[in-house]
C-alpha atoms as a PDB file:
ATOM      1  CA  MET A   1     149.915  26.698 126.972  1.00  0.00           C
ATOM      2  CA  GLN A   2     148.373  28.273 123.564  1.00  0.00           C
ATOM      3  CA  PRO A   3     145.276  27.226 122.260  1.00  0.00           C
ATOM      4  CA  THR A   4     144.289  26.066 118.627  1.00  0.00           C
ATOM      5  CA  GLU A   5     143.231  29.165 116.611  1.00  0.00           C
ATOM      6  CA  PRO A   6     140.511  27.169 113.955  1.00  0.00           C
ATOM      7  CA  ILE A   7     140.946  28.670 110.882  1.00  0.00           C
ATOM      8  CA  LYS A   8     137.805  30.933 109.930  1.00  0.00           C
ATOM      9  CA  VAL A   9     136.690  30.729 105.698  1.00  0.00           C
ATOM     10  CA  SER A  10     137.202  34.803 104.587  1.00  0.00           C
ATOM     11  CA  GLU A  11     139.510  36.364 102.051  1.00  0.00           C
ATOM     12  CA  LYS A  12     142.871  35.224 102.451  1.00  0.00           C
ATOM     13  CA  SER A  13     145.912  35.695 100.673  1.00  0.00           C
ATOM     14  CA  VAL A  14     148.044  31.938 100.911  1.00  0.00           C
ATOM     15  CA  ALA A  15     150.104  33.255 102.251  1.00  0.00           C
ATOM     16  CA  ASP A  16     147.738  33.631 105.436  1.00  0.00           C
ATOM     17  CA  VAL A  17     146.158  30.657 105.075  1.00  0.00           C
ATOM     18  CA  LEU A  18     149.773  29.243 105.666  1.00  0.00           C
ATOM     19  CA  LEU A  19     150.523  31.040 109.198  1.00  0.00           C
ATOM     20  CA  ALA A  20     146.412  30.312 110.046  1.00  0.00           C
ATOM     21  CA  MET A  21     147.887  26.775 109.591  1.00  0.00           C
ATOM     22  CA  SER A  22     150.841  26.708 111.560  1.00  0.00           C
ATOM     23  CA  LYS A  23     148.146  27.357 114.611  1.00  0.00           C
ATOM     24  CA  THR A  24     145.848  24.539 113.946  1.00  0.00           C
ATOM     25  CA  GLY A  25     146.989  20.406 114.204  1.00  0.00           C
ATOM     26  CA  PHE A  26     148.456  17.758 112.431  1.00  0.00           C
ATOM     27  CA  GLN A  27     150.339  17.973 108.960  1.00  0.00           C
ATOM     28  CA  GLY A  28     148.507  20.901 108.616  1.00  0.00           C
ATOM     29  CA  ARG A  29     149.855  22.378 111.337  1.00  0.00           C
ATOM     30  CA  LYS A  30     153.078  21.388 110.156  1.00  0.00           C
ATOM     31  CA  LEU A  31     153.035  22.678 106.552  1.00  0.00           C
ATOM     32  CA  GLY A  32     152.354  26.406 108.322  1.00  0.00           C
ATOM     33  CA  GLU A  33     155.250  25.296 110.376  1.00  0.00           C
ATOM     34  CA  ALA A  34     157.421  24.604 107.489  1.00  0.00           C
ATOM     35  CA  PHE A  35     156.235  28.083 105.747  1.00  0.00           C
ATOM     36  CA  LYS A  36     157.023  30.226 108.365  1.00  0.00           C
ATOM     37  CA  ILE A  37     160.173  28.611 108.977  1.00  0.00           C
ATOM     38  CA  TRP A  38     161.445  29.254 104.991  1.00  0.00           C
ATOM     39  CA  LEU A  39     160.519  32.902 105.449  1.00  0.00           C
ATOM     40  CA  GLU A  40     162.971  32.743 108.714  1.00  0.00           C
ATOM     41  CA  MET A  41     165.470  31.705 106.652  1.00  0.00           C
ATOM     42  CA  LEU A  42     164.981  34.486 103.982  1.00  0.00           C
ATOM     43  CA  GLU A  43     165.309  37.045 106.921  1.00  0.00           C
ATOM     44  CA  GLU A  44     168.761  36.055 107.439  1.00  0.00           C
ATOM     45  CA  ASN A  45     171.693  38.177 106.205  1.00  0.00           C
ATOM     46  CA  GLU A  46     174.149  35.750 105.112  1.00  0.00           C
ATOM     47  CA  ILE A  47     172.496  32.619 104.892  1.00  0.00           C
ATOM     48  CA  THR A  48     173.446  29.710 101.880  1.00  0.00           C
ATOM     49  CA  ILE A  49     169.553  27.937 101.036  1.00  0.00           C
ATOM     50  CA  LEU A  50     170.110  24.267  99.799  1.00  0.00           C
ATOM     51  CA  MET A  51     167.379  21.964  97.849  1.00  0.00           C
ATOM     52  CA  GLY A  52     167.399  18.032  97.534  1.00  0.00           C
ATOM     53  CA  LEU A  53     164.447  17.342  94.864  1.00  0.00           C
ATOM     54  CA  ALA A  54     163.874  14.163  94.584  1.00  0.00           C
ATOM     55  CA  GLY A  55     160.475  12.448  93.105  1.00  0.00           C
ATOM     56  CA  ALA A  56     159.089  12.330  89.900  1.00  0.00           C
ATOM     57  CA  MET A  57     158.693  16.107  90.395  1.00  0.00           C
ATOM     58  CA  VAL A  58     158.810  17.404  86.837  1.00  0.00           C
ATOM     59  CA  PRO A  59     156.560  15.038  85.378  1.00  0.00           C
ATOM     60  CA  ALA A  60     154.516  15.877  87.729  1.00  0.00           C
ATOM     61  CA  GLY A  61     154.266  19.400  86.829  1.00  0.00           C
ATOM     62  CA  MET A  62     156.262  20.840  89.718  1.00  0.00           C
ATOM     63  CA  ARG A  63     159.177  22.172  86.889  1.00  0.00           C
ATOM     64  CA  LYS A  64     157.382  25.884  86.971  1.00  0.00           C
ATOM     65  CA  ILE A  65     157.426  26.019  90.638  1.00  0.00           C
ATOM     66  CA  ILE A  66     161.341  24.921  91.195  1.00  0.00           C
ATOM     67  CA  ALA A  67     162.418  27.387  88.102  1.00  0.00           C
ATOM     68  CA  TYR A  68     159.938  30.133  89.694  1.00  0.00           C
ATOM     69  CA  LEU A  69     162.053  29.186  93.085  1.00  0.00           C
ATOM     70  CA  ILE A  70     165.673  29.680  92.092  1.00  0.00           C
ATOM     71  CA  ARG A  71     164.793  32.768  89.520  1.00  0.00           C
ATOM     72  CA  ASN A  72     163.719  34.341  93.039  1.00  0.00           C
ATOM     73  CA  ARG A  73     166.584  32.969  95.133  1.00  0.00           C
ATOM     74  CA  TYR A  74     164.483  31.531  97.533  1.00  0.00           C
ATOM     75  CA  ILE A  75     166.702  28.403  97.217  1.00  0.00           C
ATOM     76  CA  ASP A  76     170.834  29.401  95.681  1.00  0.00           C
ATOM     77  CA  VAL A  77     171.406  25.863  95.574  1.00  0.00           C
ATOM     78  CA  LEU A  78     169.813  22.462  93.715  1.00  0.00           C
ATOM     79  CA  VAL A  79     170.299  18.926  93.856  1.00  0.00           C
ATOM     80  CA  SER A  80     168.803  16.844  92.270  1.00  0.00           C
ATOM     81  CA  THR A  81     168.436  13.072  90.678  1.00  0.00           C
ATOM     82  CA  GLY A  82     169.202  12.852  86.859  1.00  0.00           C
ATOM     83  CA  ALA A  83     164.905  12.100  86.158  1.00  0.00           C
ATOM     84  CA  ASN A  84     164.347  15.940  87.125  1.00  0.00           C
ATOM     85  CA  ILE A  85     166.754  16.661  84.989  1.00  0.00           C
ATOM     86  CA  PHE A  86     166.526  14.753  82.021  1.00  0.00           C
ATOM     87  CA  HIS A  87     161.986  15.846  82.544  1.00  0.00           C
ATOM     88  CA  ASP A  88     162.777  19.498  82.634  1.00  0.00           C
ATOM     89  CA  ILE A  89     165.350  19.693  79.238  1.00  0.00           C
ATOM     90  CA  HIS A  90     162.858  17.183  77.673  1.00  0.00           C
ATOM     91  CA  GLU A  91     159.830  19.814  78.194  1.00  0.00           C
ATOM     92  CA  ALA A  92     162.197  22.551  77.452  1.00  0.00           C
ATOM     93  CA  LEU A  93     162.674  20.923  74.095  1.00  0.00           C
ATOM     94  CA  GLY A  94     158.931  21.016  73.426  1.00  0.00           C
ATOM     95  CA  PHE A  95     157.831  17.740  74.252  1.00  0.00           C
ATOM     96  CA  LYS A  96     155.768  16.896  77.087  1.00  0.00           C
ATOM     97  CA  HIS A  97     153.810  14.748  79.745  1.00  0.00           C
ATOM     98  CA  TYR A  98     149.943  14.166  79.805  1.00  0.00           C
ATOM     99  CA  LEU A  99     147.032  13.460  82.046  1.00  0.00           C
ATOM    100  CA  GLY A 100     146.876   9.599  82.068  1.00  0.00           C
ATOM    101  CA  SER A 101     145.272   7.070  84.640  1.00  0.00           C
ATOM    102  CA  GLU A 102     147.148   4.992  87.161  1.00  0.00           C
ATOM    103  CA  LYS A 103     144.139   2.296  86.061  1.00  0.00           C
ATOM    104  CA  ALA A 104     145.239   2.673  81.972  1.00  0.00           C
ATOM    105  CA  ASN A 105     146.212  -1.385  80.673  1.00  0.00           C
ATOM    106  CA  ASP A 106     150.077  -0.917  80.780  1.00  0.00           C
ATOM    107  CA  PHE A 107     150.849  -3.575  78.558  1.00  0.00           C
ATOM    108  CA  HIS A 108     148.252  -1.693  76.101  1.00  0.00           C
ATOM    109  CA  LEU A 109     150.479   1.628  77.320  1.00  0.00           C
ATOM    110  CA  TYR A 110     153.660  -0.639  76.039  1.00  0.00           C
ATOM    111  CA  LYS A 111     152.518  -1.067  72.180  1.00  0.00           C
ATOM    112  CA  GLU A 112     150.975   1.906  72.130  1.00  0.00           C
ATOM    113  CA  GLY A 113     154.809   3.409  72.681  1.00  0.00           C
ATOM    114  CA  ILE A 114     153.724   4.999  75.725  1.00  0.00           C
ATOM    115  CA  ASP A 115     155.429   5.077  79.020  1.00  0.00           C
ATOM    116  CA  ARG A 116     153.318   5.655  82.646  1.00  0.00           C
ATOM    117  CA  ILE A 117     154.668   7.839  86.132  1.00  0.00           C
ATOM    118  CA  TYR A 118     151.278   6.487  88.275  1.00  0.00           C
ATOM    119  CA  ASP A 119     148.378   8.690  86.414  1.00  0.00           C
ATOM    120  CA  VAL A 120     151.031  10.845  84.327  1.00  0.00           C
ATOM    121  CA  PHE A 121     151.939   9.284  80.341  1.00  0.00           C
ATOM    122  CA  ALA A 122     154.664  10.317  78.298  1.00  0.00           C
ATOM    123  CA  TYR A 123     155.497   9.134  74.619  1.00  0.00           C
ATOM    124  CA  GLU A 124     158.331   6.778  74.556  1.00  0.00           C
ATOM    125  CA  SER A 125     159.793   8.453  71.134  1.00  0.00           C
ATOM    126  CA  GLU A 126     159.097  11.628  72.518  1.00  0.00           C
ATOM    127  CA  PHE A 127     162.293  10.556  75.288  1.00  0.00           C
ATOM    128  CA  ASN A 128     164.124   9.180  72.203  1.00  0.00           C
ATOM    129  CA  ARG A 129     163.926  12.567  70.646  1.00  0.00           C
ATOM    130  CA  ALA A 130     165.383  13.843  73.755  1.00  0.00           C
ATOM    131  CA  ASP A 131     168.039  11.199  74.712  1.00  0.00           C
ATOM    132  CA  TYR A 132     169.278  11.731  70.579  1.00  0.00           C
ATOM    133  CA  ILE A 133     169.565  15.631  71.234  1.00  0.00           C
ATOM    134  CA  LEU A 134     171.266  15.234  74.558  1.00  0.00           C
ATOM    135  CA  ALA A 135     173.556  13.003  73.295  1.00  0.00           C
ATOM    136  CA  ASP A 136     174.708  15.529  70.359  1.00  0.00           C
ATOM    137  CA  ILE A 137     175.194  18.157  73.082  1.00  0.00           C
ATOM    138  CA  ILE A 138     177.652  16.092  75.407  1.00  0.00           C
ATOM    139  CA  SER A 139     179.667  14.414  72.328  1.00  0.00           C
ATOM    140  CA  GLU A 140     180.525  18.424  72.153  1.00  0.00           C
ATOM    141  CA  LEU A 141     182.024  18.983  75.149  1.00  0.00           C
ATOM    142  CA  ILE A 142     185.492  17.874  76.596  1.00  0.00           C
ATOM    143  CA  GLY A 143     187.651  17.524  79.398  1.00  0.00           C
ATOM    144  CA  VAL A 144     186.682  16.234  83.358  1.00  0.00           C
ATOM    145  CA  MET A 145     184.139  18.135  84.817  1.00  0.00           C
ATOM    146  CA  SER A 146     181.872  17.851  88.143  1.00  0.00           C
ATOM    147  CA  SER A 147     177.814  17.462  87.421  1.00  0.00           C
ATOM    148  CA  ARG A 148     177.684  20.981  88.007  1.00  0.00           C
ATOM    149  CA  GLU A 149     179.899  21.793  85.320  1.00  0.00           C
ATOM    150  CA  PHE A 150     177.957  19.361  83.279  1.00  0.00           C
ATOM    151  CA  ILE A 151     174.794  20.827  83.851  1.00  0.00           C
ATOM    152  CA  GLU A 152     175.575  24.066  83.059  1.00  0.00           C
ATOM    153  CA  LYS A 153     177.470  23.876  79.577  1.00  0.00           C
ATOM    154  CA  LEU A 154     174.358  21.253  78.834  1.00  0.00           C
ATOM    155  CA  ALA A 155     172.438  24.611  80.108  1.00  0.00           C
ATOM    156  CA  GLU A 156     174.180  26.940  78.184  1.00  0.00           C
ATOM    157  CA  SER A 157     173.471  24.500  75.107  1.00  0.00           C
ATOM    158  CA  VAL A 158     169.449  24.162  75.818  1.00  0.00           C
ATOM    159  CA  CYS A 159     169.347  27.881  76.232  1.00  0.00           C
ATOM    160  CA  LYS A 160     170.144  27.979  72.275  1.00  0.00           C
ATOM    161  CA  LEU A 161     167.690  25.738  71.174  1.00  0.00           C
ATOM    162  CA  VAL A 162     165.063  27.318  73.318  1.00  0.00           C
ATOM    163  CA  SER A 163     163.603  30.654  74.825  1.00  0.00           C
ATOM    164  CA  GLU A 164     161.858  29.174  77.564  1.00  0.00           C
ATOM    165  CA  GLU A 165     162.430  31.502  80.796  1.00  0.00           C
ATOM    166  CA  GLU A 166     160.759  28.379  82.946  1.00  0.00           C
ATOM    167  CA  SER A 167     163.024  25.644  82.597  1.00  0.00           C
ATOM    168  CA  ILE A 168     164.600  24.855  86.032  1.00  0.00           C
ATOM    169  CA  ILE A 169     168.375  24.480  83.831  1.00  0.00           C
ATOM    170  CA  VAL A 170     168.159  27.728  82.193  1.00  0.00           C
ATOM    171  CA  ALA A 171     166.095  29.392  85.269  1.00  0.00           C
ATOM    172  CA  ALA A 172     169.493  28.313  87.126  1.00  0.00           C
ATOM    173  CA  TYR A 173     171.991  28.705  84.444  1.00  0.00           C
ATOM    174  CA  GLU A 174     170.560  32.341  84.070  1.00  0.00           C
ATOM    175  CA  SER A 175     170.609  32.851  87.880  1.00  0.00           C
ATOM    176  CA  ASP A 176     173.838  31.893  88.702  1.00  0.00           C
ATOM    177  CA  VAL A 177     172.359  29.219  90.869  1.00  0.00           C
ATOM    178  CA  PRO A 178     174.257  25.809  90.937  1.00  0.00           C
ATOM    179  CA  ILE A 179     172.378  22.030  90.351  1.00  0.00           C
ATOM    180  CA  PHE A 180     174.626  19.346  91.666  1.00  0.00           C
ATOM    181  CA  CYS A 181     173.106  15.718  89.945  1.00  0.00           C
ATOM    182  CA  PRO A 182     175.303  13.094  91.772  1.00  0.00           C
ATOM    183  CA  SER A 183     173.354  10.082  90.452  1.00  0.00           C
ATOM    184  CA  ILE A 184     173.515  11.603  86.881  1.00  0.00           C
ATOM    185  CA  ALA A 185     174.040   8.620  85.417  1.00  0.00           C
ATOM    186  CA  ASP A 186     170.674   6.616  87.027  1.00  0.00           C
ATOM    187  CA  SER A 187     168.487   8.883  84.189  1.00  0.00           C
ATOM    188  CA  SER A 188     168.036   9.248  80.866  1.00  0.00           C
ATOM    189  CA  ILE A 189     170.757  11.779  80.749  1.00  0.00           C
ATOM    190  CA  GLY A 190     173.469   8.456  81.750  1.00  0.00           C
ATOM    191  CA  ILE A 191     171.240   6.933  78.487  1.00  0.00           C
ATOM    192  CA  ALA A 192     172.060  10.144  76.138  1.00  0.00           C
ATOM    193  CA  ALA A 193     175.849   9.962  77.106  1.00  0.00           C
ATOM    194  CA  THR A 194     175.852   6.203  76.608  1.00  0.00           C
ATOM    195  CA  ILE A 195     175.364   6.670  72.836  1.00  0.00           C
ATOM    196  CA  ALA A 196     176.997   9.625  72.715  1.00  0.00           C
ATOM    197  CA  ASP A 197     180.346  10.044  70.928  1.00  0.00           C
ATOM    198  CA  ARG A 198     181.670  10.616  74.970  1.00  0.00           C
ATOM    199  CA  ARG A 199     184.912  13.055  75.016  1.00  0.00           C
ATOM    200  CA  VAL A 200     183.768  14.442  79.067  1.00  0.00           C
ATOM    201  CA  VAL A 201     183.809  12.500  82.239  1.00  0.00           C
ATOM    202  CA  ILE A 202     181.659  13.603  85.075  1.00  0.00           C
ATOM    203  CA  ASP A 203     183.232  13.018  88.605  1.00  0.00           C
ATOM    204  CA  PRO A 204     181.262  12.570  91.479  1.00  0.00           C
ATOM    205  CA  ILE A 205     184.653  13.126  93.877  1.00  0.00           C
ATOM    206  CA  LYS A 206     184.411  17.073  92.494  1.00  0.00           C
ATOM    207  CA  ASP A 207     180.820  16.969  93.290  1.00  0.00           C
ATOM    208  CA  ILE A 208     181.393  16.097  96.968  1.00  0.00           C
ATOM    209  CA  GLU A 209     184.073  18.990  96.787  1.00  0.00           C
ATOM    210  CA  GLU A 210     182.509  21.615  95.460  1.00  0.00           C
ATOM    211  CA  LEU A 211     179.398  20.995  97.822  1.00  0.00           C
ATOM    212  CA  THR A 212     181.140  20.527 100.785  1.00  0.00           C
ATOM    213  CA  ASP A 213     182.972  23.810  99.660  1.00  0.00           C
ATOM    214  CA  ILE A 214     179.660  25.685  99.881  1.00  0.00           C
ATOM    215  CA  VAL A 215     178.040  24.556 103.343  1.00  0.00           C
ATOM    216  CA  VAL A 216     182.061  25.700 104.852  1.00  0.00           C
ATOM    217  CA  LYS A 217     182.247  28.745 103.109  1.00  0.00           C
ATOM    218  CA  SER A 218     178.251  29.035 104.030  1.00  0.00           C
ATOM    219  CA  LYS A 219     177.946  31.825 107.047  1.00  0.00           C
ATOM    220  CA  LYS A 220     174.145  29.515 107.728  1.00  0.00           C
ATOM    221  CA  THR A 221     172.827  26.626 105.813  1.00  0.00           C
ATOM    222  CA  GLY A 222     169.409  25.708 105.362  1.00  0.00           C
ATOM    223  CA  VAL A 223     168.291  22.822 103.818  1.00  0.00           C
ATOM    224  CA  ILE A 224     164.646  22.136 101.844  1.00  0.00           C
ATOM    225  CA  TYR A 225     164.297  18.565 100.960  1.00  0.00           C
ATOM    226  CA  VAL A 226     161.356  17.856  98.468  1.00  0.00           C
ATOM    227  CA  SER A 227     161.282  13.913  99.295  1.00  0.00           C
ATOM    228  CA  GLY A 228     164.849  12.268 100.010  1.00  0.00           C
ATOM    229  CA  GLY A 229     166.439   9.509  98.257  1.00  0.00           C
ATOM    230  CA  VAL A 230     170.299  10.426  97.301  1.00  0.00           C
ATOM    231  CA  PRO A 231     170.195  14.583  96.882  1.00  0.00           C
ATOM    232  CA  LYS A 232     168.970  14.455 100.452  1.00  0.00           C
ATOM    233  CA  ASN A 233     172.145  12.263 101.842  1.00  0.00           C
ATOM    234  CA  PHE A 234     174.182  14.185  99.333  1.00  0.00           C
ATOM    235  CA  ILE A 235     173.666  17.865 101.080  1.00  0.00           C
ATOM    236  CA  GLN A 236     173.319  15.743 104.418  1.00  0.00           C
ATOM    237  CA  GLN A 237     177.037  14.460 104.277  1.00  0.00           C
ATOM    238  CA  THR A 238     178.944  17.707 103.418  1.00  0.00           C
ATOM    239  CA  GLU A 239     178.869  18.432 107.333  1.00  0.00           C
ATOM    240  CA  VAL A 240     180.746  15.137 107.857  1.00  0.00           C
ATOM    241  CA  VAL A 241     183.218  15.552 105.162  1.00  0.00           C
ATOM    242  CA  ALA A 242     183.823  19.034 106.791  1.00  0.00           C
ATOM    243  CA  ARG A 243     184.399  17.512 109.887  1.00  0.00           C
ATOM    244  CA  LEU A 244     186.733  15.048 108.306  1.00  0.00           C
ATOM    245  CA  LYS A 245     188.808  17.775 106.821  1.00  0.00           C
ATOM    246  CA  GLY A 246     188.641  19.374 110.099  1.00  0.00           C
ATOM    247  CA  ILE A 247     186.041  22.184 110.063  1.00  0.00           C
ATOM    248  CA  GLU A 248     183.156  21.731 113.090  1.00  0.00           C
ATOM    249  CA  LYS A 249     180.220  23.568 110.810  1.00  0.00           C
ATOM    250  CA  GLY A 250     177.659  22.020 113.804  1.00  0.00           C
ATOM    251  CA  GLY A 251     174.870  20.704 111.389  1.00  0.00           C
ATOM    252  CA  HIS A 252     172.538  22.732 109.117  1.00  0.00           C
ATOM    253  CA  ASN A 253     170.870  25.969 111.058  1.00  0.00           C
ATOM    254  CA  TYR A 254     167.149  25.398 109.271  1.00  0.00           C
ATOM    255  CA  ALA A 255     165.583  21.944 107.990  1.00  0.00           C
ATOM    256  CA  ILE A 256     162.551  21.528 106.035  1.00  0.00           C
ATOM    257  CA  GLN A 257     161.194  18.199 104.232  1.00  0.00           C
ATOM    258  CA  PHE A 258     158.307  17.173 102.853  1.00  0.00           C
ATOM    259  CA  THR A 259     158.009  13.691 102.481  1.00  0.00           C
ATOM    260  CA  THR A 260     155.806  10.714 102.550  1.00  0.00           C
ATOM    261  CA  ASP A 261     158.349   8.155 103.883  1.00  0.00           C
ATOM    262  CA  MET A 262     157.887   7.121 107.195  1.00  0.00           C
ATOM    263  CA  PRO A 263     160.765   6.664 109.878  1.00  0.00           C
ATOM    264  CA  GLN A 264     160.736   3.136 111.327  1.00  0.00           C
ATOM    265  CA  TRP A 265     161.688   1.797 107.932  1.00  0.00           C
ATOM    266  CA  GLY A 266     165.326   2.676 108.388  1.00  0.00           C
ATOM    267  CA  GLY A 267     165.252   4.883 104.859  1.00  0.00           C
ATOM    268  CA  LEU A 268     167.147   8.002 104.490  1.00  0.00           C
ATOM    269  CA  SER A 269     164.265   9.652 103.698  1.00  0.00           C
ATOM    270  CA  GLY A 270     161.965   8.727 106.116  1.00  0.00           C
ATOM    271  CA  CYS A 271     164.587   9.996 108.520  1.00  0.00           C
ATOM    272  CA  THR A 272     164.182  12.472 111.164  1.00  0.00           C
ATOM    273  CA  PHE A 273     166.390  15.749 111.471  1.00  0.00           C
ATOM    274  CA  GLU A 274     166.530  14.701 114.998  1.00  0.00           C
ATOM    275  CA  GLU A 275     168.083  11.945 113.590  1.00  0.00           C
ATOM    276  CA  GLY A 276     170.318  13.872 111.748  1.00  0.00           C
ATOM    277  CA  ILE A 277     171.699  15.357 114.955  1.00  0.00           C
ATOM    278  CA  SER A 278     173.077  12.355 116.279  1.00  0.00           C
ATOM    279  CA  TRP A 279     174.842  12.622 112.785  1.00  0.00           C
ATOM    280  CA  GLY A 280     176.081  16.147 112.942  1.00  0.00           C
ATOM    281  CA  LYS A 281     174.430  16.785 109.540  1.00  0.00           C
ATOM    282  CA  ILE A 282     171.517  19.080 111.641  1.00  0.00           C
ATOM    283  CA  SER A 283     172.378  21.657 114.469  1.00  0.00           C
ATOM    284  CA  GLN A 284     170.981  20.530 117.896  1.00  0.00           C
ATOM    285  CA  LYS A 285     169.633  24.129 118.162  1.00  0.00           C
ATOM    286  CA  SER A 286     167.977  24.144 114.581  1.00  0.00           C
ATOM    287  CA  LYS A 287     164.791  25.251 113.390  1.00  0.00           C
ATOM    288  CA  LYS A 288     163.281  22.066 111.576  1.00  0.00           C
ATOM    289  CA  ILE A 289     160.301  20.566 110.784  1.00  0.00           C
ATOM    290  CA  GLN A 290     159.141  17.509 108.189  1.00  0.00           C
ATOM    291  CA  VAL A 291     156.076  17.457 106.996  1.00  0.00           C
ATOM    292  CA  HIS A 292     154.510  14.226 106.176  1.00  0.00           C
ATOM    293  CA  VAL A 293     152.792  15.434 102.710  1.00  0.00           C
ATOM    294  CA  ASP A 294     153.024  14.533  98.919  1.00  0.00           C
ATOM    295  CA  ALA A 295     154.985  17.101  97.606  1.00  0.00           C
ATOM    296  CA  THR A 296     152.700  17.664  94.771  1.00  0.00           C
ATOM    297  CA  ILE A 297     150.630  19.394  98.097  1.00  0.00           C
ATOM    298  CA  ALA A 298     152.954  21.044  99.674  1.00  0.00           C
ATOM    299  CA  LEU A 299     154.887  22.685  96.922  1.00  0.00           C
ATOM    300  CA  PRO A 300     152.225  24.769  95.230  1.00  0.00           C
ATOM    301  CA  ILE A 301     150.519  26.052  98.482  1.00  0.00           C
ATOM    302  CA  ILE A 302     153.994  26.687  99.729  1.00  0.00           C
ATOM    303  CA  ALA A 303     155.828  28.815  96.627  1.00  0.00           C
ATOM    304  CA  HIS A 304     152.281  31.179  96.091  1.00  0.00           C
ATOM    305  CA  GLY A 305     152.985  31.979  99.704  1.00  0.00           C
ATOM    306  CA  LEU A 306     156.278  32.986  99.207  1.00  0.00           C
ATOM    307  CA  GLN A 307     155.058  35.606  96.203  1.00  0.00           C
ATOM    308  CA  ASN A 308     155.836  38.765  98.168  1.00  0.00           C
ATOM    309  CA  ALA A 309     158.550  36.990 100.590  1.00  0.00           C
ATOM    310  CA  LYS A 310     161.539  39.451 100.412  1.00  0.00           C
ATOM    311  CA  ARG A 311     165.123  38.175 100.547  1.00  0.00           C
ATOM    312  CA  ARG A 312     167.326  39.766 103.048  1.00  0.00           C
ATOM    313  CA  SER A 313     170.832  38.715 101.191  1.00  0.00           C
ATOM    314  CA  CYS A 314     171.775  36.291  98.737  1.00  0.00           C
ATOM    315  CA  PRO A 315     175.389  34.165  98.265  1.00  0.00           C
ATOM    316  CA  VAL A 316     177.340  35.036  94.916  1.00  0.00           C
ATOM    317  CA  PHE A 317     179.624  32.117  94.325  1.00  0.00           C
ATOM    318  CA  ILE A 318     182.662  32.910  92.739  1.00  0.00           C
ATOM    319  CA  TRP A 319     183.971  29.783  91.110  1.00  0.00           C
ATOM    320  CA  ASP A 320     187.608  30.272  90.548  1.00  0.00           C
ATOM    321  CA  ARG A 321     190.804  27.946  92.088  1.00  0.00           C
ATOM    322  CA  GLU A 322     188.980  28.654  94.770  1.00  0.00           C
ATOM    323  CA  LEU A 323     185.125  29.224  95.407  1.00  0.00           C
ATOM    324  CA  LYS A 324     184.130  32.503  97.394  1.00  0.00           C
ATOM    325  CA  ILE A 325     180.970  33.490  98.524  1.00  0.00           C
ATOM    326  CA  ASP A 326     179.969  37.053  98.857  1.00  0.00           C
ATOM    327  CA  TYR A 327     176.297  37.802 100.981  1.00  0.00           C
ATOM    328  CA  GLY A 328     174.578  40.237  98.389  1.00  0.00           C
ATOM    329  CA  CYS A 329     172.435  40.636  95.797  1.00  0.00           C
ATOM    330  CA  LEU A 330     171.497  43.288  92.937  1.00  0.00           C
ATOM    331  CA  SER A 331     168.484  44.452  91.897  1.00  0.00           C
ATOM    332  CA  HIS A 332     168.728  43.159  88.408  1.00  0.00           C
ATOM    333  CA  GLU A 333     170.145  39.967  89.524  1.00  0.00           C
ATOM    334  CA  VAL A 334     167.244  38.701  91.688  1.00  0.00           C
ATOM    335  CA  SER A 335     164.509  40.267  91.726  1.00  0.00           C
ATOM    336  CA  ALA A 336     163.068  38.410  95.516  1.00  0.00           C
ATOM    337  CA  CYS A 337     166.209  40.708  97.006  1.00  0.00           C
ATOM    338  CA  GLN A 338     165.936  44.193  98.767  1.00  0.00           C
ATOM    339  CA  GLY A 339     168.611  46.122  96.579  1.00  0.00           C
ATOM    340  CA  LEU A 340     171.497  46.453  99.112  1.00  0.00           C
END
């Protein structure tokens, strides 16, 4: 039995603080253990790391962290709610979210045209302007696409309008990191599409096929869930889809979740990774940890801890008639990777 090690206050890097926390107790220990598992994933030679992003993370100020994780290839695939993608585009276009208060008079806010997301405010008029800009972009698109292809097209257009490098979709577009958004209609992107001269169709079944292909053709997979919701299940179900196609992957090899939900209510956002083993979604031998913490606390700490971490190799996705994955990275493409 190993004793706990009280943390001594001294000059430490954030990484050192997290490693010290892994030898304490409760959720501080869990956060430290999550950091260690993430580092272990980065040391793998051939692994694809998928992140599920739910909750109002972009309005809460997490967008530059997600963009940083993408650019440095600490994650390789992002599955997000439509709302986070819209709010990212909203800020990329120069609009803002504002410091507010959860104690505000909401009817007064309504009369002033201010929307509230807990203690964050936004102007409805700015949302509407972003909606119309998106509608114009969507009106130019033609054909049947997965949400990955659709978001790439949005990012290509947004890149022409802005010069910001810290946008999630711009970072993903420039780093060849695919973004999937299976619930894209449940967001202002869906609202924008309804006012567009729409000639594009987003095929959600194509999303399932493409994401399952990534999981099937990856040597190993690690998953990181920010909150839960649709992105978590969408990534989890790839293991089930693969099995129905006669391919036994055995479940994800690594799993981390930052959530405030609890398992006893029966919802997926709070369900344990042990429960996921019963579905074949998580490997029985996986390294896994769930941290019961507000993700707006966990993400900044973990991201700063990862600053000097080096990635051994990264998957390169070659989207042709049939997806191909190469493991390796070029120094000009991925700054976090060691040259191969």
